[in-house]
């Protein structure tokens, strides 16, 4: 179910600017694992964004979900992203939640608080799996990942009902900077930019202040 382009896209140049900026602050010991999570998230986003029919997107998301239900030793050869994830020592089964999260956006009609929460929870779970791999606190990573996902989604919505539903969840979410270790510095940067965006009602990379925030959190963690 993977396209030729998907099969070869496994470098940071494939990531959005925001992700590349945050990734630049990952320590060398955590960079490859963090890159893998960001690439997976970007790949799943591309599935939802580019599919002409929801059923096609669901089939492609199911392909990834099926992989994470398998033993990595049984994964097909030739997919660079799977090869990166195969290097991990911890369980990858919960990465299927990321596919579930992105699939929540494919429901018919306007987005609801429930579907948006499912989406954010799925992306947050991906960060929790990374935290487990890096020996960090999964609870804090999950919370920070969910908060960032809510703001990130809000910034990409164009429908007024969808925007209103997402904005309501963002408004009800606390954005206290989580106590994440250096190994999770990429997530700390993303969360800080999301918190700034939520306060100001602006894009996560809008203005010089966004760069200053990324530098500050990227270097000192808060």
Protein backbone atom coordinates (compact mmCIF):
# COMPACT_ATOMS: atom_id res chain seq x y z
CA UNK A 1 0.00 0.00 0.00
CA UNK A 2 3.02 2.34 0.06
CA UNK A 3 3.95 4.55 -2.87
CA UNK A 4 7.43 4.77 -4.36
CA UNK A 5 7.89 8.24 -2.85
CA UNK A 6 6.89 7.00 0.59
CA UNK A 7 9.32 4.11 0.34
CA UNK A 8 12.31 6.45 -0.04
CA UNK A 9 11.35 9.39 2.21
CA UNK A 10 13.36 8.78 5.37
CA UNK A 11 15.44 11.92 5.90
CA UNK A 12 14.81 15.14 7.85
CA UNK A 13 14.43 17.03 4.57
CA UNK A 14 11.02 15.35 4.26
CA UNK A 15 9.76 17.01 7.43
CA UNK A 16 7.84 20.29 7.75
CA UNK A 17 9.89 23.32 8.81
CA UNK A 18 8.51 23.21 12.36
CA UNK A 19 9.57 19.60 12.82
CA UNK A 20 13.02 20.20 11.38
CA UNK A 21 13.55 23.14 13.72
CA UNK A 22 12.54 21.10 16.78
CA UNK A 23 14.57 18.10 15.65
CA UNK A 24 17.71 20.24 15.46
CA UNK A 25 17.72 20.40 19.27
CA UNK A 26 17.57 16.64 19.79
CA UNK A 27 20.79 15.29 21.33
CA UNK A 28 22.79 12.97 19.09
CA UNK A 29 21.85 9.98 21.26
CA UNK A 30 18.14 10.55 20.62
CA UNK A 31 18.15 12.12 17.17
CA UNK A 32 17.56 9.02 15.05
CA UNK A 33 14.70 7.75 17.22
CA UNK A 34 13.10 11.20 17.30
CA UNK A 35 13.46 11.51 13.54
CA UNK A 36 11.67 8.19 13.13
CA UNK A 37 8.65 9.37 15.14
CA UNK A 38 8.48 12.64 13.23
CA UNK A 39 8.75 10.82 9.91
CA UNK A 40 6.00 8.41 10.90
CA UNK A 41 3.75 11.27 11.94
CA UNK A 42 4.47 13.08 8.68
CA UNK A 43 3.81 9.92 6.67
CA UNK A 44 0.45 9.35 8.33
CA UNK A 45 -0.46 13.00 7.86
CA UNK A 46 0.31 12.65 4.17
CA UNK A 47 -1.98 9.65 3.91
CA UNK A 48 -4.92 11.63 5.26
CA UNK A 49 -4.09 14.81 3.37
CA UNK A 50 -3.59 13.27 -0.06
CA UNK A 51 -6.25 10.55 -0.21
CA UNK A 52 -9.05 11.27 -2.66
CA UNK A 53 -11.43 8.93 -0.85
CA UNK A 54 -11.57 8.22 2.90
CA UNK A 55 -11.60 4.46 2.26
CA UNK A 56 -8.26 4.70 0.47
CA UNK A 57 -6.73 6.57 3.39
CA UNK A 58 -8.16 4.04 5.83
CA UNK A 59 -6.62 1.19 3.86
CA UNK A 60 -3.20 2.83 3.89
CA UNK A 61 -3.45 3.63 7.59
CA UNK A 62 -4.43 0.01 8.20
CA UNK A 63 -1.19 -1.07 6.49
CA UNK A 64 0.80 0.75 9.16
CA UNK A 65 -1.47 -0.47 11.94
CA UNK A 66 -0.96 -4.05 10.78
CA UNK A 67 2.82 -3.62 10.83
CA UNK A 68 2.77 -2.49 14.45
CA UNK A 69 0.70 -5.52 15.43
CA UNK A 70 3.42 -7.80 14.00
CA UNK A 71 6.80 -8.82 15.26
CA UNK A 72 9.28 -6.39 13.64
CA UNK A 73 11.23 -9.42 12.42
CA UNK A 74 8.28 -10.15 10.13
CA UNK A 75 8.18 -6.68 8.61
CA UNK A 76 8.63 -6.40 4.83
CA UNK A 77 12.01 -5.34 3.51
CA UNK A 78 12.52 -2.17 1.51
CA UNK A 79 10.70 0.38 3.71
CA UNK A 80 13.39 2.66 5.20
CA UNK A 81 11.14 3.97 7.97
CA UNK A 82 10.34 0.45 9.14
CA UNK A 83 14.05 -0.28 9.03
CA UNK A 84 14.69 2.68 11.34
CA UNK A 85 12.00 1.58 13.77
CA UNK A 86 13.27 -1.99 13.68
CA UNK A 87 16.42 -0.75 15.45
CA UNK A 88 14.41 0.10 18.55
CA UNK A 89 14.65 -2.16 21.58
CA UNK A 90 11.23 -1.44 23.14
CA UNK A 91 7.74 -2.48 22.07
CA UNK A 92 6.29 -0.68 19.05
CA UNK A 93 2.74 -2.02 19.28
CA UNK A 94 1.34 1.22 20.70
CA UNK A 95 2.48 3.13 17.63
CA UNK A 96 -0.74 1.85 16.08
CA UNK A 97 -2.45 4.59 18.13
CA UNK A 98 -0.89 7.15 15.79
CA UNK A 99 -2.69 5.58 12.83
CA UNK A 100 -5.91 5.52 14.88
CA UNK A 101 -5.48 9.19 15.69
CA UNK A 102 -5.05 10.28 12.11
CA UNK A 103 -7.96 8.08 11.06
CA UNK A 104 -10.21 10.01 13.47
CA UNK A 105 -10.00 12.96 11.05
CA UNK A 106 -11.62 10.90 8.30
CA UNK A 107 -15.04 10.73 9.96
CA UNK A 108 -17.90 12.14 7.89
CA UNK A 109 -19.11 15.64 8.62
CA UNK A 110 -17.60 18.26 10.87
CA UNK A 111 -14.98 17.34 13.41
CA UNK A 112 -16.25 16.90 16.96
CA UNK A 113 -14.49 17.34 20.30
CA UNK A 114 -14.42 13.54 20.54
CA UNK A 115 -12.76 13.00 17.15
CA UNK A 116 -10.28 15.80 17.80
CA UNK A 117 -9.43 14.36 21.22
CA UNK A 118 -8.90 10.92 19.65
CA UNK A 119 -6.61 12.49 17.07
CA UNK A 120 -4.54 14.32 19.67
CA UNK A 121 -4.38 11.28 21.93
CA UNK A 122 -3.08 9.14 19.07
CA UNK A 123 -0.28 11.54 18.24
CA UNK A 124 0.50 11.93 21.93
CA UNK A 125 0.86 8.18 22.27
CA UNK A 126 3.59 8.22 19.64
CA UNK A 127 5.65 10.50 21.85
CA UNK A 128 4.97 8.22 24.81
CA UNK A 129 6.39 5.29 22.84
CA UNK A 130 9.47 7.37 22.04
CA UNK A 131 9.81 8.31 25.71
CA UNK A 132 9.72 4.63 26.63
CA UNK A 133 12.47 3.93 24.12
CA UNK A 134 14.61 6.75 25.52
CA UNK A 135 13.94 5.98 29.18
CA UNK A 136 11.87 9.14 29.77
CA UNK A 137 8.54 9.69 31.54
CA UNK A 138 5.78 8.40 29.27
CA UNK A 139 3.01 10.26 31.09
CA UNK A 140 4.62 13.67 30.64
CA UNK A 141 5.50 12.92 27.02
CA UNK A 142 1.96 11.80 26.27
CA UNK A 143 0.48 14.98 27.79
CA UNK A 144 2.92 17.27 25.98
CA UNK A 145 2.41 15.48 22.68
CA UNK A 146 -1.35 15.74 22.98
CA UNK A 147 -1.20 19.47 23.75
CA UNK A 148 1.04 20.15 20.77
CA UNK A 149 -1.18 18.04 18.50
CA UNK A 150 -4.27 20.06 19.45
CA UNK A 151 -2.63 23.36 18.55
CA UNK A 152 -1.03 21.95 15.42
CA UNK A 153 -4.38 20.68 14.16
CA UNK A 154 -6.09 23.99 14.91
CA UNK A 155 -3.54 25.83 12.79
CA UNK A 156 -4.37 23.68 9.75
CA UNK A 157 -8.17 23.70 9.89
CA UNK A 158 -10.16 25.85 7.44
CA UNK A 159 -13.77 25.00 8.31
CA UNK A 160 -15.28 27.34 10.91
CA UNK A 161 -17.10 24.53 12.80
CA UNK A 162 -13.89 22.48 12.88
CA UNK A 163 -11.89 25.48 14.06
CA UNK A 164 -14.41 26.21 16.80
CA UNK A 165 -14.39 22.63 18.07
CA UNK A 166 -10.59 22.52 18.15
CA UNK A 167 -10.27 25.98 19.71
CA UNK A 168 -12.57 24.92 22.54
CA UNK A 169 -10.27 22.03 23.41
CA UNK A 170 -7.17 24.20 23.16
CA UNK A 171 -8.73 26.79 25.45
CA UNK A 172 -9.48 24.13 28.05
CA UNK A 173 -5.97 22.68 28.01
CA UNK A 174 -3.20 23.71 30.38
CA UNK A 175 0.11 24.47 28.72
CA UNK A 176 2.49 24.36 31.66
CA UNK A 177 5.93 23.41 30.36
CA UNK A 178 6.37 19.69 31.12
CA UNK A 179 9.45 18.35 32.95
CA UNK A 180 10.96 16.55 29.98
CA UNK A 181 14.58 15.34 29.95
CA UNK A 182 17.14 16.39 27.36
CA UNK A 183 16.46 13.25 25.34
CA UNK A 184 12.95 14.62 24.68
CA UNK A 185 14.12 18.15 23.83
CA UNK A 186 12.38 18.08 20.44
CA UNK A 187 9.01 17.58 22.12
CA UNK A 188 9.82 20.30 24.66
CA UNK A 189 10.40 22.75 21.80
CA UNK A 190 7.19 21.74 20.02
CA UNK A 191 5.19 22.06 23.23
CA UNK A 192 6.65 25.50 24.01
CA UNK A 193 5.82 26.76 20.53
CA UNK A 194 2.31 25.33 20.84
CA UNK A 195 1.82 27.05 24.21
CA UNK A 196 2.98 30.37 22.75
CA UNK A 197 0.67 29.92 19.77
CA UNK A 198 -2.30 29.16 22.04
CA UNK A 199 -1.65 32.28 24.13
CA UNK A 200 -1.20 34.61 21.17
CA UNK A 201 -3.62 33.08 18.70
CA UNK A 202 -0.87 32.97 16.08
CA UNK A 203 0.97 30.32 14.09
CA UNK A 204 3.64 28.30 15.85
CA UNK A 205 6.41 29.83 13.72
CA UNK A 206 4.99 33.35 13.47
CA UNK A 207 7.32 36.16 14.44
CA UNK A 208 10.83 36.42 15.78
CA UNK A 209 9.53 35.43 19.20
CA UNK A 210 8.87 31.92 17.96
CA UNK A 211 12.52 31.47 17.00
CA UNK A 212 13.65 32.92 20.32
CA UNK A 213 11.33 30.52 22.16
CA UNK A 214 12.68 27.55 20.20
CA UNK A 215 16.28 28.55 20.89
CA UNK A 216 15.67 29.10 24.60
CA UNK A 217 13.81 25.83 25.16
CA UNK A 218 16.09 23.96 22.79
CA UNK A 219 19.15 24.98 24.79
CA UNK A 220 17.97 25.02 28.39
CA UNK A 221 14.78 22.96 28.19
CA UNK A 222 12.31 25.57 29.48
